[in-house]
Amino acid sequence: MSDASNLRTETAVTPDLATPVAEQLKHMLVLEFEALKEQDLDRFEHLQLAKTDLLSEMARLCPDSEALEANPAWQDLREILLDCRDMHRRNALLIERKLDGIRGALRSLSVGHASSPVEVYDRLGKMSRFSKGRGYQEV
C-alpha cells in the first residue's frame, strides 16, 4: 500500500480537516467570479487548475452526502459546501450570459433579418445594411 493510501485509512476524516479546504474552495469561487466579471480569461484558466485540486482534496476528505446530513459534526462544513454550490451556479450563470451575448453578436454579423437590419461599414467605409440572407463577408 502506498503512503498516501495508508494515511487516508489510518487518519480519521474529520470536519477539522475538510473545513479549511472548503473555505479555500469558497475563496477560489470568489476569485473565479471576479475574473469572469473582468473577462480575465488567463486568470480564470489558472484558477480552474487550483479549483480542480481543491475539489479532489474535498472528495478525499468528505464523507458521502448522507453522512454529511446525518452527522451534526459536519453541519458547518455542509453549510460552506452549500455556499460553494450556490457560488458555482452563479459563476456558471455568468458564463452562460456572456456566451449568449457572444452568440447573439455572431448571429447578427452572419445573418441579417428583414425585421432587424444590421448596419456595418462596407469596404469603402460607408454604412451598409444587410439584406436578408447576406453575411458580413458579402458587404
C-alpha atoms as a PDB file:
ATOM      1  CA  MET A   1       0.000   0.000   0.000  1.00  0.00           C
ATOM      2  CA  SER A   2       1.278   3.489  -0.792  1.00  0.00           C
ATOM      3  CA  ASP A   3       1.976   6.067   1.900  1.00  0.00           C
ATOM      4  CA  ALA A   4      -0.949   8.213   0.706  1.00  0.00           C
ATOM      5  CA  SER A   5      -3.475   5.378   0.967  1.00  0.00           C
ATOM      6  CA  ASN A   6      -2.057   4.364   4.367  1.00  0.00           C
ATOM      7  CA  LEU A   7      -2.506   7.930   5.567  1.00  0.00           C
ATOM      8  CA  ARG A   8      -6.101   8.010   4.373  1.00  0.00           C
ATOM      9  CA  THR A   9      -7.079   4.730   6.021  1.00  0.00           C
ATOM     10  CA  GLU A  10      -5.180   5.410   9.243  1.00  0.00           C
ATOM     11  CA  THR A  11      -6.298   9.028   9.675  1.00  0.00           C
ATOM     12  CA  ALA A  12      -9.893   9.554  10.672  1.00  0.00           C
ATOM     13  CA  VAL A  13     -11.556  12.035   8.356  1.00  0.00           C
ATOM     14  CA  THR A  14     -12.961  14.853  10.470  1.00  0.00           C
ATOM     15  CA  PRO A  15     -14.621  18.185   9.749  1.00  0.00           C
ATOM     16  CA  ASP A  16     -11.478  19.847  11.116  1.00  0.00           C
ATOM     17  CA  LEU A  17      -9.510  18.514   8.143  1.00  0.00           C
ATOM     18  CA  ALA A  18     -12.123  19.257   5.478  1.00  0.00           C
ATOM     19  CA  THR A  19     -13.385  22.678   6.600  1.00  0.00           C
ATOM     20  CA  PRO A  20     -10.198  24.654   5.756  1.00  0.00           C
ATOM     21  CA  VAL A  21     -10.159  23.099   2.272  1.00  0.00           C
ATOM     22  CA  ALA A  22     -13.827  24.024   1.815  1.00  0.00           C
ATOM     23  CA  GLU A  23     -13.038  27.606   2.872  1.00  0.00           C
ATOM     24  CA  GLN A  24     -10.236  27.708   0.273  1.00  0.00           C
ATOM     25  CA  LEU A  25     -12.670  26.441  -2.351  1.00  0.00           C
ATOM     26  CA  LYS A  26     -15.166  29.141  -1.391  1.00  0.00           C
ATOM     27  CA  HIS A  27     -12.457  31.796  -1.733  1.00  0.00           C
ATOM     28  CA  MET A  28     -11.423  30.309  -5.095  1.00  0.00           C
ATOM     29  CA  LEU A  29     -15.010  30.691  -6.338  1.00  0.00           C
ATOM     30  CA  VAL A  30     -14.996  34.366  -5.324  1.00  0.00           C
ATOM     31  CA  LEU A  31     -11.771  34.879  -7.291  1.00  0.00           C
ATOM     32  CA  GLU A  32     -13.266  32.988 -10.235  1.00  0.00           C
ATOM     33  CA  PHE A  33     -16.302  35.303 -10.272  1.00  0.00           C
ATOM     34  CA  GLU A  34     -14.063  38.375 -10.207  1.00  0.00           C
ATOM     35  CA  ALA A  35     -12.003  37.011 -13.112  1.00  0.00           C
ATOM     36  CA  LEU A  36     -15.199  36.352 -15.076  1.00  0.00           C
ATOM     37  CA  LYS A  37     -16.562  39.845 -14.415  1.00  0.00           C
ATOM     38  CA  GLU A  38     -13.265  41.370 -15.552  1.00  0.00           C
ATOM     39  CA  GLN A  39     -13.101  38.953 -18.504  1.00  0.00           C
ATOM     40  CA  ASP A  40      -9.595  37.928 -17.432  1.00  0.00           C
ATOM     41  CA  LEU A  41      -9.512  34.529 -19.118  1.00  0.00           C
ATOM     42  CA  ASP A  42      -5.867  33.813 -18.292  1.00  0.00           C
ATOM     43  CA  ARG A  43      -6.564  34.250 -14.574  1.00  0.00           C
ATOM     44  CA  PHE A  44      -9.802  32.268 -14.904  1.00  0.00           C
ATOM     45  CA  GLU A  45      -7.983  29.321 -16.505  1.00  0.00           C
ATOM     46  CA  HIS A  46      -5.262  29.427 -13.851  1.00  0.00           C
ATOM     47  CA  LEU A  47      -7.936  29.348 -11.139  1.00  0.00           C
ATOM     48  CA  GLN A  48      -9.524  26.273 -12.756  1.00  0.00           C
ATOM     49  CA  LEU A  49      -6.389  24.229 -12.112  1.00  0.00           C
ATOM     50  CA  ALA A  50      -6.294  25.252  -8.452  1.00  0.00           C
ATOM     51  CA  LYS A  51     -10.041  24.682  -8.090  1.00  0.00           C
ATOM     52  CA  THR A  52      -9.734  21.177  -9.537  1.00  0.00           C
ATOM     53  CA  ASP A  53      -7.039  20.348  -6.977  1.00  0.00           C
ATOM     54  CA  LEU A  54      -9.247  21.634  -4.146  1.00  0.00           C
ATOM     55  CA  LEU A  55     -12.222  19.622  -5.406  1.00  0.00           C
ATOM     56  CA  SER A  56     -10.082  16.470  -5.496  1.00  0.00           C
ATOM     57  CA  GLU A  57      -8.956  17.139  -1.949  1.00  0.00           C
ATOM     58  CA  MET A  58     -12.572  17.700  -0.836  1.00  0.00           C
ATOM     59  CA  ALA A  59     -13.609  14.412  -2.430  1.00  0.00           C
ATOM     60  CA  ARG A  60     -10.853  12.688  -0.477  1.00  0.00           C
ATOM     61  CA  LEU A  61     -11.697  14.343   2.856  1.00  0.00           C
ATOM     62  CA  CYS A  62     -15.508  14.374   2.853  1.00  0.00           C
ATOM     63  CA  PRO A  63     -17.901  11.558   3.563  1.00  0.00           C
ATOM     64  CA  ASP A  64     -20.833  10.941   1.259  1.00  0.00           C
ATOM     65  CA  SER A  65     -23.807  13.321   1.290  1.00  0.00           C
ATOM     66  CA  GLU A  66     -25.890  11.061   3.567  1.00  0.00           C
ATOM     67  CA  ALA A  67     -23.192  11.105   6.249  1.00  0.00           C
ATOM     68  CA  LEU A  68     -22.838  14.875   5.901  1.00  0.00           C
ATOM     69  CA  GLU A  69     -26.558  15.338   6.522  1.00  0.00           C
ATOM     70  CA  ALA A  70     -26.834  12.738   9.299  1.00  0.00           C
ATOM     71  CA  ASN A  71     -23.918  13.821  11.480  1.00  0.00           C
ATOM     72  CA  PRO A  72     -24.281  17.190  13.231  1.00  0.00           C
ATOM     73  CA  ALA A  73     -20.481  17.493  13.483  1.00  0.00           C
ATOM     74  CA  TRP A  74     -20.385  18.086   9.725  1.00  0.00           C
ATOM     75  CA  GLN A  75     -23.055  20.844   9.760  1.00  0.00           C
ATOM     76  CA  ASP A  76     -20.614  23.768   9.401  1.00  0.00           C
ATOM     77  CA  LEU A  77     -18.850  22.076   6.506  1.00  0.00           C
ATOM     78  CA  ARG A  78     -22.184  21.286   4.878  1.00  0.00           C
ATOM     79  CA  GLU A  79     -23.161  24.968   5.018  1.00  0.00           C
ATOM     80  CA  ILE A  80     -19.862  26.011   3.429  1.00  0.00           C
ATOM     81  CA  LEU A  81     -20.367  23.448   0.682  1.00  0.00           C
ATOM     82  CA  LEU A  82     -23.897  24.725   0.038  1.00  0.00           C
ATOM     83  CA  ASP A  83     -22.449  28.244  -0.290  1.00  0.00           C
ATOM     84  CA  CYS A  84     -19.867  26.870  -2.730  1.00  0.00           C
ATOM     85  CA  ARG A  85     -22.615  25.203  -4.748  1.00  0.00           C
ATOM     86  CA  ASP A  86     -24.545  28.472  -4.975  1.00  0.00           C
ATOM     87  CA  MET A  87     -21.405  30.406  -5.932  1.00  0.00           C
ATOM     88  CA  HIS A  88     -20.582  27.839  -8.617  1.00  0.00           C
ATOM     89  CA  ARG A  89     -24.100  28.193 -10.040  1.00  0.00           C
ATOM     90  CA  ARG A  90     -23.726  31.992 -10.047  1.00  0.00           C
ATOM     91  CA  ASN A  91     -20.428  31.685 -11.946  1.00  0.00           C
ATOM     92  CA  ALA A  92     -21.955  29.240 -14.433  1.00  0.00           C
ATOM     93  CA  LEU A  93     -24.867  31.628 -14.996  1.00  0.00           C
ATOM     94  CA  LEU A  94     -22.464  34.498 -15.673  1.00  0.00           C
ATOM     95  CA  ILE A  95     -20.575  32.357 -18.193  1.00  0.00           C
ATOM     96  CA  GLU A  96     -23.851  31.408 -19.913  1.00  0.00           C
ATOM     97  CA  ARG A  97     -24.938  35.043 -20.152  1.00  0.00           C
ATOM     98  CA  LYS A  98     -21.607  36.067 -21.647  1.00  0.00           C
ATOM     99  CA  LEU A  99     -21.794  33.196 -24.140  1.00  0.00           C
ATOM    100  CA  ASP A 100     -25.357  34.178 -25.087  1.00  0.00           C
ATOM    101  CA  GLY A 101     -24.154  37.731 -25.768  1.00  0.00           C
ATOM    102  CA  ILE A 102     -21.322  36.459 -27.944  1.00  0.00           C
ATOM    103  CA  ARG A 103     -23.657  34.110 -29.817  1.00  0.00           C
ATOM    104  CA  GLY A 104     -26.091  36.982 -30.413  1.00  0.00           C
ATOM    105  CA  ALA A 105     -23.329  39.196 -31.765  1.00  0.00           C
ATOM    106  CA  LEU A 106     -22.126  36.426 -34.069  1.00  0.00           C
ATOM    107  CA  ARG A 107     -25.661  35.800 -35.323  1.00  0.00           C
ATOM    108  CA  SER A 108     -26.150  39.470 -36.085  1.00  0.00           C
ATOM    109  CA  LEU A 109     -22.939  39.519 -38.098  1.00  0.00           C
ATOM    110  CA  SER A 110     -23.603  36.327 -40.005  1.00  0.00           C
ATOM    111  CA  VAL A 111     -27.295  36.530 -40.911  1.00  0.00           C
ATOM    112  CA  GLY A 112     -29.312  39.679 -41.484  1.00  0.00           C
ATOM    113  CA  HIS A 113     -33.016  39.603 -40.756  1.00  0.00           C
ATOM    114  CA  ALA A 114     -35.557  41.773 -42.582  1.00  0.00           C
ATOM    115  CA  SER A 115     -37.210  42.628 -39.273  1.00  0.00           C
ATOM    116  CA  SER A 116     -33.927  43.789 -37.704  1.00  0.00           C
ATOM    117  CA  PRO A 117     -31.439  45.020 -40.286  1.00  0.00           C
ATOM    118  CA  VAL A 118     -27.855  45.318 -39.162  1.00  0.00           C
ATOM    119  CA  GLU A 119     -25.741  48.234 -40.299  1.00  0.00           C
ATOM    120  CA  VAL A 120     -21.998  47.817 -40.792  1.00  0.00           C
ATOM    121  CA  TYR A 121     -19.304  49.613 -42.736  1.00  0.00           C
ATOM    122  CA  ASP A 122     -18.554  48.345 -46.236  1.00  0.00           C
ATOM    123  CA  ARG A 123     -15.098  48.204 -47.866  1.00  0.00           C
ATOM    124  CA  LEU A 124     -15.276  51.888 -48.736  1.00  0.00           C
ATOM    125  CA  GLY A 125     -16.119  52.947 -45.188  1.00  0.00           C
ATOM    126  CA  LYS A 126     -19.766  53.701 -45.909  1.00  0.00           C
ATOM    127  CA  MET A 127     -22.691  52.392 -43.860  1.00  0.00           C
ATOM    128  CA  SER A 128     -24.328  49.416 -45.465  1.00  0.00           C
ATOM    129  CA  ARG A 129     -27.384  47.396 -44.443  1.00  0.00           C
ATOM    130  CA  PHE A 130     -27.546  43.658 -44.663  1.00  0.00           C
ATOM    131  CA  SER A 131     -30.278  42.290 -46.829  1.00  0.00           C
ATOM    132  CA  LYS A 132     -31.921  39.015 -45.932  1.00  0.00           C
ATOM    133  CA  GLY A 133     -29.602  36.056 -46.423  1.00  0.00           C
ATOM    134  CA  ARG A 134     -26.363  38.005 -46.795  1.00  0.00           C
ATOM    135  CA  GLY A 135     -23.485  37.535 -44.399  1.00  0.00           C
ATOM    136  CA  TYR A 136     -20.867  40.082 -43.430  1.00  0.00           C
ATOM    137  CA  GLN A 137     -18.452  38.598 -45.979  1.00  0.00           C
ATOM    138  CA  GLU A 138     -20.645  39.824 -48.858  1.00  0.00           C
ATOM    139  CA  VAL A 139     -20.803  43.521 -47.869  1.00  0.00           C
END
